Amino acid sequence: MKAGIIGLGLMGGSLGLALKESSLFSLIVGDDSNPVHRRQAIYLGLVDECLDFKGILDCDVIFLCTPVDSIVEIIKNIKNLRDDQLVIDFGGVKKEIVKSIPQSLRNNFVSLHPMCGTENFGPKAAFKDLYKNQIMIFVDIAKSGQYQLNLAREICMKLGMNIIKMDSKDHDRHTAFISHMPHILSYALANAVLKQENPQDIVAIAGGGFKGMSRISKSSGVMWSAIAKQNKDNLLESIDTILDELCYAKKLIENNQFDELKDWMISANKLREIL
């Protein structure tokens, strides 16, 4: 089989490296809208060669690893697939993506979301173990062809991933709380510090707490603004929820209610029982 990867940044590049180790494919090709990324992908060995969009569409398995708004546009240009071809999108928001898939090609598509990543982006950020032991969410699987589902499962198992199933509505709401809102919070923390009089002096004394919470603020603004746009309503709900908690903590501090503040903090410790 031949695999084609559209989008050769962290996700697509790491996928190329992992697929090379899987021995599932005889050839792995790629494409990226950025010519520098294409050259880097070849130089770094992320794919065997780069082809144009038409060449990618000839592949047995096609992976869409671009920002979510680009995935919707790419799907609009996919026509006349063979019955045995598989198209997998890695989008972090699913509602608009699954809605954009034409009914005539629905069997060919399996919508996945790998719950992994780093704050780095671009081909140089790719590494082969990104997906290993991570969660892969299969979304709206009842609409996919059985052959395509079986092949997608086989690929994920070869990557060493743990599979869970979810519908697109639940997926988008849940990821707003555990992924999208935390990124917004991290960007807010970074911007708050950078707006202080001497941000370099503040960062110079930063310990693990600040570094941990601000790490993902270095993530791609292109990717995360597109996610915010497509998951707007769920993201706003999650932001309102965190604002309520921050306002409550602020009120307790203002009113010197430190016993209540302690109880509020202890209640958050229960998260350790779940994670």
C-alpha atoms as a PDB file:
ATOM      1  CA  MET A   1       0.000   0.000   0.000  1.00  0.00           C
ATOM      2  CA  LYS A   2       0.960   3.632  -0.525  1.00  0.00           C
ATOM      3  CA  ALA A   3       0.260   6.332   2.081  1.00  0.00           C
ATOM      4  CA  GLY A   4      -0.108  10.038   1.365  1.00  0.00           C
ATOM      5  CA  ILE A   5       0.154  12.719   4.050  1.00  0.00           C
ATOM      6  CA  ILE A   6      -1.133  16.255   3.484  1.00  0.00           C
ATOM      7  CA  GLY A   7       0.421  18.591   6.038  1.00  0.00           C
ATOM      8  CA  LEU A   8       4.014  17.849   7.029  1.00  0.00           C
ATOM      9  CA  GLY A   9       4.309  19.656  10.357  1.00  0.00           C
ATOM     10  CA  LEU A  10       4.513  18.071  13.799  1.00  0.00           C
ATOM     11  CA  MET A  11       1.517  15.764  13.338  1.00  0.00           C
ATOM     12  CA  GLY A  12       2.018  14.787   9.709  1.00  0.00           C
ATOM     13  CA  GLY A  13       5.791  14.575   9.953  1.00  0.00           C
ATOM     14  CA  SER A  14       5.679  12.421  13.071  1.00  0.00           C
ATOM     15  CA  LEU A  15       3.094  10.233  11.365  1.00  0.00           C
ATOM     16  CA  GLY A  16       5.414   9.730   8.404  1.00  0.00           C
ATOM     17  CA  LEU A  17       8.240   8.589  10.674  1.00  0.00           C
ATOM     18  CA  ALA A  18       5.948   6.249  12.613  1.00  0.00           C
ATOM     19  CA  LEU A  19       4.439   4.747   9.462  1.00  0.00           C
ATOM     20  CA  LYS A  20       7.917   4.014   8.119  1.00  0.00           C
ATOM     21  CA  GLU A  21       8.553   1.868  11.187  1.00  0.00           C
ATOM     22  CA  SER A  22       5.181   0.123  10.917  1.00  0.00           C
ATOM     23  CA  SER A  23       6.010  -1.704   7.657  1.00  0.00           C
ATOM     24  CA  LEU A  24       2.369  -1.291   6.570  1.00  0.00           C
ATOM     25  CA  PHE A  25       3.239   0.818   3.547  1.00  0.00           C
ATOM     26  CA  SER A  26       5.667   0.306   0.684  1.00  0.00           C
ATOM     27  CA  LEU A  27       5.833   4.052  -0.011  1.00  0.00           C
ATOM     28  CA  ILE A  28       5.013   7.151   2.040  1.00  0.00           C
ATOM     29  CA  VAL A  29       4.560  10.415   0.159  1.00  0.00           C
ATOM     30  CA  GLY A  30       3.546  13.872   1.307  1.00  0.00           C
ATOM     31  CA  ASP A  31       2.470  17.367   0.379  1.00  0.00           C
ATOM     32  CA  ASP A  32       2.432  20.714   2.168  1.00  0.00           C
ATOM     33  CA  SER A  33       1.328  24.190   1.103  1.00  0.00           C
ATOM     34  CA  ASN A  34       4.677  25.528   2.353  1.00  0.00           C
ATOM     35  CA  PRO A  35       7.526  24.682  -0.063  1.00  0.00           C
ATOM     36  CA  VAL A  36      10.069  25.014   2.760  1.00  0.00           C
ATOM     37  CA  HIS A  37       8.200  22.339   4.702  1.00  0.00           C
ATOM     38  CA  ARG A  38       8.258  20.040   1.684  1.00  0.00           C
ATOM     39  CA  ARG A  39      12.025  20.395   1.357  1.00  0.00           C
ATOM     40  CA  GLN A  40      12.542  19.895   5.093  1.00  0.00           C
ATOM     41  CA  ALA A  41      10.312  16.801   5.099  1.00  0.00           C
ATOM     42  CA  ILE A  42      12.440  15.169   2.403  1.00  0.00           C
ATOM     43  CA  TYR A  43      15.713  16.198   4.059  1.00  0.00           C
ATOM     44  CA  LEU A  44      14.571  14.885   7.460  1.00  0.00           C
ATOM     45  CA  GLY A  45      13.250  11.639   5.998  1.00  0.00           C
ATOM     46  CA  LEU A  46       9.673  12.239   7.139  1.00  0.00           C
ATOM     47  CA  VAL A  47       8.366  10.989   3.774  1.00  0.00           C
ATOM     48  CA  ASP A  48       9.946   9.197   0.828  1.00  0.00           C
ATOM     49  CA  GLU A  49       8.991  11.908  -1.657  1.00  0.00           C
ATOM     50  CA  CYS A  50       6.661  14.861  -2.106  1.00  0.00           C
ATOM     51  CA  LEU A  51       3.895  14.864  -4.708  1.00  0.00           C
ATOM     52  CA  ASP A  52       1.217  17.333  -5.754  1.00  0.00           C
ATOM     53  CA  PHE A  53      -2.393  17.021  -4.603  1.00  0.00           C
ATOM     54  CA  LYS A  54      -3.344  14.860  -7.584  1.00  0.00           C
ATOM     55  CA  GLY A  55      -0.530  12.447  -6.772  1.00  0.00           C
ATOM     56  CA  ILE A  56      -1.618  12.209  -3.135  1.00  0.00           C
ATOM     57  CA  LEU A  57      -5.162  11.326  -4.212  1.00  0.00           C
ATOM     58  CA  ASP A  58      -3.834   8.184  -5.917  1.00  0.00           C
ATOM     59  CA  CYS A  59      -2.654   6.782  -2.567  1.00  0.00           C
ATOM     60  CA  ASP A  60      -4.397   3.892  -0.843  1.00  0.00           C
ATOM     61  CA  VAL A  61      -4.548   5.787   2.455  1.00  0.00           C
ATOM     62  CA  ILE A  62      -4.666   9.584   2.613  1.00  0.00           C
ATOM     63  CA  PHE A  63      -4.027  11.418   5.886  1.00  0.00           C
ATOM     64  CA  LEU A  64      -5.191  15.027   6.341  1.00  0.00           C
ATOM     65  CA  CYS A  65      -2.905  16.594   8.961  1.00  0.00           C
ATOM     66  CA  THR A  66      -3.412  20.309   8.321  1.00  0.00           C
ATOM     67  CA  PRO A  67      -5.190  22.925  10.485  1.00  0.00           C
ATOM     68  CA  VAL A  68      -8.935  22.260  10.722  1.00  0.00           C
ATOM     69  CA  ASP A  69     -10.021  25.040   8.348  1.00  0.00           C
ATOM     70  CA  SER A  70      -7.674  23.675   5.682  1.00  0.00           C
ATOM     71  CA  ILE A  71      -9.067  20.158   6.150  1.00  0.00           C
ATOM     72  CA  VAL A  72     -12.556  21.384   5.234  1.00  0.00           C
ATOM     73  CA  GLU A  73     -11.195  23.039   2.079  1.00  0.00           C
ATOM     74  CA  ILE A  74      -9.185  19.951   1.112  1.00  0.00           C
ATOM     75  CA  ILE A  75     -12.246  17.713   1.457  1.00  0.00           C
ATOM     76  CA  LYS A  76     -14.117  19.934  -1.013  1.00  0.00           C
ATOM     77  CA  ASN A  77     -11.488  19.069  -3.628  1.00  0.00           C
ATOM     78  CA  ILE A  78     -11.488  15.299  -3.132  1.00  0.00           C
ATOM     79  CA  LYS A  79     -13.405  13.594  -5.944  1.00  0.00           C
ATOM     80  CA  ASN A  80     -13.971  10.114  -7.351  1.00  0.00           C
ATOM     81  CA  LEU A  81     -12.219   7.908  -4.820  1.00  0.00           C
ATOM     82  CA  ARG A  82     -11.933   4.173  -5.326  1.00  0.00           C
ATOM     83  CA  ASP A  83     -14.096   1.999  -3.095  1.00  0.00           C
ATOM     84  CA  ASP A  84     -11.004   0.646  -1.319  1.00  0.00           C
ATOM     85  CA  GLN A  85      -9.365   4.009  -0.572  1.00  0.00           C
ATOM     86  CA  LEU A  86      -9.246   5.373   2.974  1.00  0.00           C
ATOM     87  CA  VAL A  87      -9.141   9.059   3.934  1.00  0.00           C
ATOM     88  CA  ILE A  88      -8.289   9.896   7.549  1.00  0.00           C
ATOM     89  CA  ASP A  89      -8.489  13.402   8.987  1.00  0.00           C
ATOM     90  CA  PHE A  90      -6.656  14.334  12.182  1.00  0.00           C
ATOM     91  CA  GLY A  91      -8.718  17.444  12.914  1.00  0.00           C
ATOM     92  CA  GLY A  92      -9.056  18.624  16.506  1.00  0.00           C
ATOM     93  CA  VAL A  93     -12.669  19.813  15.969  1.00  0.00           C
ATOM     94  CA  LYS A  94     -15.085  17.523  14.173  1.00  0.00           C
ATOM     95  CA  LYS A  95     -18.465  19.187  13.540  1.00  0.00           C
ATOM     96  CA  GLU A  96     -17.521  21.166  10.422  1.00  0.00           C
ATOM     97  CA  ILE A  97     -15.206  18.464   9.106  1.00  0.00           C
ATOM     98  CA  VAL A  98     -17.726  15.615   9.196  1.00  0.00           C
ATOM     99  CA  LYS A  99     -20.418  17.925   7.810  1.00  0.00           C
ATOM    100  CA  SER A 100     -18.197  18.767   4.824  1.00  0.00           C
ATOM    101  CA  ILE A 101     -17.735  15.137   3.737  1.00  0.00           C
ATOM    102  CA  PRO A 102     -19.937  14.430   0.681  1.00  0.00           C
ATOM    103  CA  GLN A 103     -22.327  11.526   1.120  1.00  0.00           C
ATOM    104  CA  SER A 104     -20.964   9.849  -2.009  1.00  0.00           C
ATOM    105  CA  LEU A 105     -17.541   9.554  -0.326  1.00  0.00           C
ATOM    106  CA  ARG A 106     -18.651   9.004   3.279  1.00  0.00           C
ATOM    107  CA  ASN A 107     -17.653   5.332   3.335  1.00  0.00           C
ATOM    108  CA  ASN A 108     -14.093   6.310   2.423  1.00  0.00           C
ATOM    109  CA  PHE A 109     -13.647   8.616   5.423  1.00  0.00           C
ATOM    110  CA  VAL A 110     -12.685   7.803   9.001  1.00  0.00           C
ATOM    111  CA  SER A 111     -12.447  10.854  11.256  1.00  0.00           C
ATOM    112  CA  LEU A 112      -9.774  10.498  13.937  1.00  0.00           C
ATOM    113  CA  HIS A 113      -8.314  12.753  16.606  1.00  0.00           C
ATOM    114  CA  PRO A 114      -4.957  11.794  18.125  1.00  0.00           C
ATOM    115  CA  MET A 115      -4.811  13.197  21.656  1.00  0.00           C
ATOM    116  CA  CYS A 116      -1.145  14.062  21.565  1.00  0.00           C
ATOM    117  CA  GLY A 117       1.178  16.840  20.501  1.00  0.00           C
ATOM    118  CA  THR A 118       3.774  19.270  21.760  1.00  0.00           C
ATOM    119  CA  GLU A 119       4.143  23.036  21.864  1.00  0.00           C
ATOM    120  CA  ASN A 120       6.513  22.832  18.884  1.00  0.00           C
ATOM    121  CA  PHE A 121       5.401  22.843  15.263  1.00  0.00           C
ATOM    122  CA  GLY A 122       6.730  22.406  11.743  1.00  0.00           C
ATOM    123  CA  PRO A 123       8.667  19.492  10.181  1.00  0.00           C
ATOM    124  CA  LYS A 124      11.660  19.965  12.481  1.00  0.00           C
ATOM    125  CA  ALA A 125       9.419  19.257  15.494  1.00  0.00           C
ATOM    126  CA  ALA A 126       8.465  15.781  14.227  1.00  0.00           C
ATOM    127  CA  PHE A 127       9.537  12.635  16.083  1.00  0.00           C
ATOM    128  CA  LYS A 128       8.600   8.994  15.549  1.00  0.00           C
ATOM    129  CA  ASP A 129       7.167   8.223  19.002  1.00  0.00           C
ATOM    130  CA  LEU A 130       4.637  11.073  19.148  1.00  0.00           C
ATOM    131  CA  TYR A 131       1.685   8.686  18.814  1.00  0.00           C
ATOM    132  CA  LYS A 132       2.994   5.776  20.870  1.00  0.00           C
ATOM    133  CA  ASN A 133       0.779   4.893  23.882  1.00  0.00           C
ATOM    134  CA  GLN A 134      -1.478   7.882  23.194  1.00  0.00           C
ATOM    135  CA  ILE A 135      -5.263   7.996  22.767  1.00  0.00           C
ATOM    136  CA  MET A 136      -6.857   8.015  19.323  1.00  0.00           C
ATOM    137  CA  ILE A 137     -10.508   9.050  19.205  1.00  0.00           C
ATOM    138  CA  PHE A 138     -12.628   7.485  16.447  1.00  0.00           C
ATOM    139  CA  VAL A 139     -15.479   9.889  15.678  1.00  0.00           C
ATOM    140  CA  ASP A 140     -18.887   9.064  14.124  1.00  0.00           C
ATOM    141  CA  ILE A 141     -17.712   5.606  13.067  1.00  0.00           C
ATOM    142  CA  ALA A 142     -21.206   4.385  12.090  1.00  0.00           C
ATOM    143  CA  LYS A 143     -20.912   6.484   8.934  1.00  0.00           C
ATOM    144  CA  SER A 144     -17.609   4.945   7.786  1.00  0.00           C
ATOM    145  CA  GLY A 145     -17.161   1.857   5.612  1.00  0.00           C
ATOM    146  CA  GLN A 146     -16.285  -1.368   7.412  1.00  0.00           C
ATOM    147  CA  TYR A 147     -13.162  -1.963   5.324  1.00  0.00           C
ATOM    148  CA  GLN A 148     -11.981   1.575   6.040  1.00  0.00           C
ATOM    149  CA  LEU A 149     -12.671   1.213   9.770  1.00  0.00           C
ATOM    150  CA  ASN A 150     -10.768  -2.053   9.982  1.00  0.00           C
ATOM    151  CA  LEU A 151      -7.785  -0.567   8.160  1.00  0.00           C
ATOM    152  CA  ALA A 152      -7.825   2.563  10.346  1.00  0.00           C
ATOM    153  CA  ARG A 153      -7.844   0.377  13.469  1.00  0.00           C
ATOM    154  CA  GLU A 154      -4.929  -1.666  12.128  1.00  0.00           C
ATOM    155  CA  ILE A 155      -2.919   1.497  11.457  1.00  0.00           C
ATOM    156  CA  CYS A 156      -3.610   2.856  14.952  1.00  0.00           C
ATOM    157  CA  MET A 157      -2.640  -0.436  16.557  1.00  0.00           C
ATOM    158  CA  LYS A 158       0.619  -0.431  14.594  1.00  0.00           C
ATOM    159  CA  LEU A 159       1.250   3.079  15.929  1.00  0.00           C
ATOM    160  CA  GLY A 160       0.743   1.739  19.468  1.00  0.00           C
ATOM    161  CA  MET A 161      -2.330   3.854  20.169  1.00  0.00           C
ATOM    162  CA  ASN A 162      -5.295   3.271  22.475  1.00  0.00           C
ATOM    163  CA  ILE A 163      -8.636   3.603  20.687  1.00  0.00           C
ATOM    164  CA  ILE A 164     -11.830   5.131  22.072  1.00  0.00           C
ATOM    165  CA  LYS A 165     -15.061   5.973  20.215  1.00  0.00           C
ATOM    166  CA  MET A 166     -17.127   9.137  20.438  1.00  0.00           C
ATOM    167  CA  ASP A 167     -19.703  11.073  18.441  1.00  0.00           C
ATOM    168  CA  SER A 168     -18.706  14.446  17.018  1.00  0.00           C
ATOM    169  CA  LYS A 169     -20.966  16.478  19.341  1.00  0.00           C
ATOM    170  CA  ASP A 170     -19.519  14.961  22.513  1.00  0.00           C
ATOM    171  CA  HIS A 171     -16.007  15.094  21.080  1.00  0.00           C
ATOM    172  CA  ASP A 172     -16.140  18.820  20.405  1.00  0.00           C
ATOM    173  CA  ARG A 173     -17.593  19.650  23.828  1.00  0.00           C
ATOM    174  CA  HIS A 174     -15.185  17.447  25.760  1.00  0.00           C
ATOM    175  CA  THR A 175     -12.089  18.647  23.901  1.00  0.00           C
ATOM    176  CA  ALA A 176     -13.120  22.263  24.492  1.00  0.00           C
ATOM    177  CA  PHE A 177     -12.694  21.666  28.231  1.00  0.00           C
ATOM    178  CA  ILE A 178      -9.614  19.430  28.300  1.00  0.00           C
ATOM    179  CA  SER A 179      -7.657  20.809  25.332  1.00  0.00           C
ATOM    180  CA  HIS A 180      -8.920  23.996  23.708  1.00  0.00           C
ATOM    181  CA  MET A 181      -9.694  26.064  26.820  1.00  0.00           C
ATOM    182  CA  PRO A 182      -6.371  25.118  28.505  1.00  0.00           C
ATOM    183  CA  HIS A 183      -4.569  26.481  25.446  1.00  0.00           C
ATOM    184  CA  ILE A 184      -6.486  29.769  25.697  1.00  0.00           C
ATOM    185  CA  LEU A 185      -5.642  29.896  29.411  1.00  0.00           C
ATOM    186  CA  SER A 186      -1.958  29.320  28.651  1.00  0.00           C
ATOM    187  CA  TYR A 187      -1.940  32.071  26.007  1.00  0.00           C
ATOM    188  CA  ALA A 188      -3.627  34.396  28.531  1.00  0.00           C
ATOM    189  CA  LEU A 189      -1.020  33.616  31.196  1.00  0.00           C
ATOM    190  CA  ALA A 190       1.840  34.266  28.782  1.00  0.00           C
ATOM    191  CA  ASN A 191       0.347  37.543  27.552  1.00  0.00           C
ATOM    192  CA  ALA A 192      -0.351  38.702  31.120  1.00  0.00           C
ATOM    193  CA  VAL A 193       3.312  38.240  32.055  1.00  0.00           C
ATOM    194  CA  LEU A 194       4.605  39.762  28.820  1.00  0.00           C
ATOM    195  CA  LYS A 195       2.562  42.918  29.500  1.00  0.00           C
ATOM    196  CA  GLN A 196       4.297  43.503  32.838  1.00  0.00           C
ATOM    197  CA  GLU A 197       6.977  46.184  33.148  1.00  0.00           C
ATOM    198  CA  ASN A 198       9.944  43.788  33.191  1.00  0.00           C
ATOM    199  CA  PRO A 199       8.779  40.431  31.788  1.00  0.00           C
ATOM    200  CA  GLN A 200      12.366  39.169  31.439  1.00  0.00           C
ATOM    201  CA  ASP A 201      12.937  39.602  35.172  1.00  0.00           C
ATOM    202  CA  ILE A 202       9.728  37.723  35.970  1.00  0.00           C
ATOM    203  CA  VAL A 203      10.517  34.827  33.639  1.00  0.00           C
ATOM    204  CA  ALA A 204      14.072  34.630  35.022  1.00  0.00           C
ATOM    205  CA  ILE A 205      12.727  33.368  38.359  1.00  0.00           C
ATOM    206  CA  ALA A 206      10.055  31.106  36.843  1.00  0.00           C
ATOM    207  CA  GLY A 207       9.782  27.655  38.360  1.00  0.00           C
ATOM    208  CA  GLY A 208       8.023  24.493  37.308  1.00  0.00           C
ATOM    209  CA  GLY A 209       4.520  25.832  37.873  1.00  0.00           C
ATOM    210  CA  PHE A 210       4.822  28.731  35.448  1.00  0.00           C
ATOM    211  CA  LYS A 211       6.819  26.744  32.916  1.00  0.00           C
ATOM    212  CA  GLY A 212       4.272  23.934  32.981  1.00  0.00           C
ATOM    213  CA  MET A 213       1.264  26.199  32.570  1.00  0.00           C
ATOM    214  CA  SER A 214       2.836  28.444  29.930  1.00  0.00           C
ATOM    215  CA  ARG A 215       4.452  25.694  27.832  1.00  0.00           C
ATOM    216  CA  ILE A 216       1.594  25.297  25.371  1.00  0.00           C
ATOM    217  CA  SER A 217       1.421  29.065  24.787  1.00  0.00           C
ATOM    218  CA  LYS A 218       4.272  28.418  22.342  1.00  0.00           C
ATOM    219  CA  SER A 219       1.899  26.347  20.173  1.00  0.00           C
ATOM    220  CA  SER A 220       0.940  27.397  16.640  1.00  0.00           C
ATOM    221  CA  GLY A 221      -1.438  30.359  16.626  1.00  0.00           C
ATOM    222  CA  VAL A 222      -2.521  29.434  13.095  1.00  0.00           C
ATOM    223  CA  MET A 223      -3.700  26.010  14.213  1.00  0.00           C
ATOM    224  CA  TRP A 224      -5.314  27.045  17.488  1.00  0.00           C
ATOM    225  CA  SER A 225      -7.160  30.105  16.171  1.00  0.00           C
ATOM    226  CA  ALA A 226      -8.720  27.839  13.515  1.00  0.00           C
ATOM    227  CA  ILE A 227      -9.783  25.399  16.241  1.00  0.00           C
ATOM    228  CA  ALA A 228     -11.292  28.275  18.259  1.00  0.00           C
ATOM    229  CA  LYS A 229     -13.251  29.421  15.206  1.00  0.00           C
ATOM    230  CA  GLN A 230     -14.710  25.982  14.482  1.00  0.00           C
ATOM    231  CA  ASN A 231     -15.474  25.159  18.130  1.00  0.00           C
ATOM    232  CA  LYS A 232     -16.574  28.647  19.145  1.00  0.00           C
ATOM    233  CA  ASP A 233     -19.702  27.829  21.176  1.00  0.00           C
ATOM    234  CA  ASN A 234     -18.138  24.998  23.185  1.00  0.00           C
ATOM    235  CA  LEU A 235     -14.985  27.026  23.762  1.00  0.00           C
ATOM    236  CA  LEU A 236     -16.944  30.043  25.004  1.00  0.00           C
ATOM    237  CA  GLU A 237     -18.823  27.799  27.437  1.00  0.00           C
ATOM    238  CA  SER A 238     -15.566  26.381  28.777  1.00  0.00           C
ATOM    239  CA  ILE A 239     -14.035  29.865  29.101  1.00  0.00           C
ATOM    240  CA  ASP A 240     -17.116  31.065  31.021  1.00  0.00           C
ATOM    241  CA  THR A 241     -16.702  28.102  33.366  1.00  0.00           C
ATOM    242  CA  ILE A 242     -13.059  28.888  34.125  1.00  0.00           C
ATOM    243  CA  LEU A 243     -13.885  32.602  34.531  1.00  0.00           C
ATOM    244  CA  ASP A 244     -16.510  31.669  37.134  1.00  0.00           C
ATOM    245  CA  GLU A 245     -13.878  29.727  39.075  1.00  0.00           C
ATOM    246  CA  LEU A 246     -11.318  32.546  38.839  1.00  0.00           C
ATOM    247  CA  CYS A 247     -13.881  35.123  39.971  1.00  0.00           C
ATOM    248  CA  TYR A 248     -14.871  32.902  42.892  1.00  0.00           C
ATOM    249  CA  ALA A 249     -11.236  32.524  43.975  1.00  0.00           C
ATOM    250  CA  LYS A 250     -10.697  36.275  43.615  1.00  0.00           C
ATOM    251  CA  LYS A 251     -13.758  36.978  45.775  1.00  0.00           C
ATOM    252  CA  LEU A 252     -12.532  34.631  48.520  1.00  0.00           C
ATOM    253  CA  ILE A 253      -9.124  36.331  48.558  1.00  0.00           C
ATOM    254  CA  GLU A 254     -10.629  39.834  48.574  1.00  0.00           C
ATOM    255  CA  ASN A 255     -12.859  38.911  51.522  1.00  0.00           C
ATOM    256  CA  ASN A 256     -10.055  37.191  53.459  1.00  0.00           C
ATOM    257  CA  GLN A 257     -11.957  33.892  53.308  1.00  0.00           C
ATOM    258  CA  PHE A 258      -8.838  31.790  53.311  1.00  0.00           C
ATOM    259  CA  ASP A 259     -10.408  28.734  54.926  1.00  0.00           C
ATOM    260  CA  GLU A 260     -12.925  28.657  52.082  1.00  0.00           C
ATOM    261  CA  LEU A 261     -10.080  29.224  49.617  1.00  0.00           C
ATOM    262  CA  LYS A 262      -8.260  26.240  51.092  1.00  0.00           C
ATOM    263  CA  ASP A 263     -11.396  24.094  50.706  1.00  0.00           C
ATOM    264  CA  TRP A 264     -11.712  25.257  47.085  1.00  0.00           C
ATOM    265  CA  MET A 265      -8.124  24.210  46.420  1.00  0.00           C
ATOM    266  CA  ILE A 266      -8.586  20.845  48.146  1.00  0.00           C
ATOM    267  CA  SER A 267     -11.687  20.145  46.056  1.00  0.00           C
ATOM    268  CA  ALA A 268      -9.521  20.530  42.942  1.00  0.00           C
ATOM    269  CA  ASN A 269      -7.166  17.845  44.271  1.00  0.00           C
ATOM    270  CA  LYS A 270      -9.875  15.277  43.487  1.00  0.00           C
ATOM    271  CA  LEU A 271      -8.795  15.474  39.855  1.00  0.00           C
ATOM    272  CA  ARG A 272      -5.831  13.286  40.823  1.00  0.00           C
ATOM    273  CA  GLU A 273      -8.272  10.427  41.462  1.00  0.00           C
ATOM    274  CA  ILE A 274      -9.407  10.578  37.824  1.00  0.00           C
ATOM    275  CA  LEU A 275      -6.155  11.236  35.971  1.00  0.00           C
END
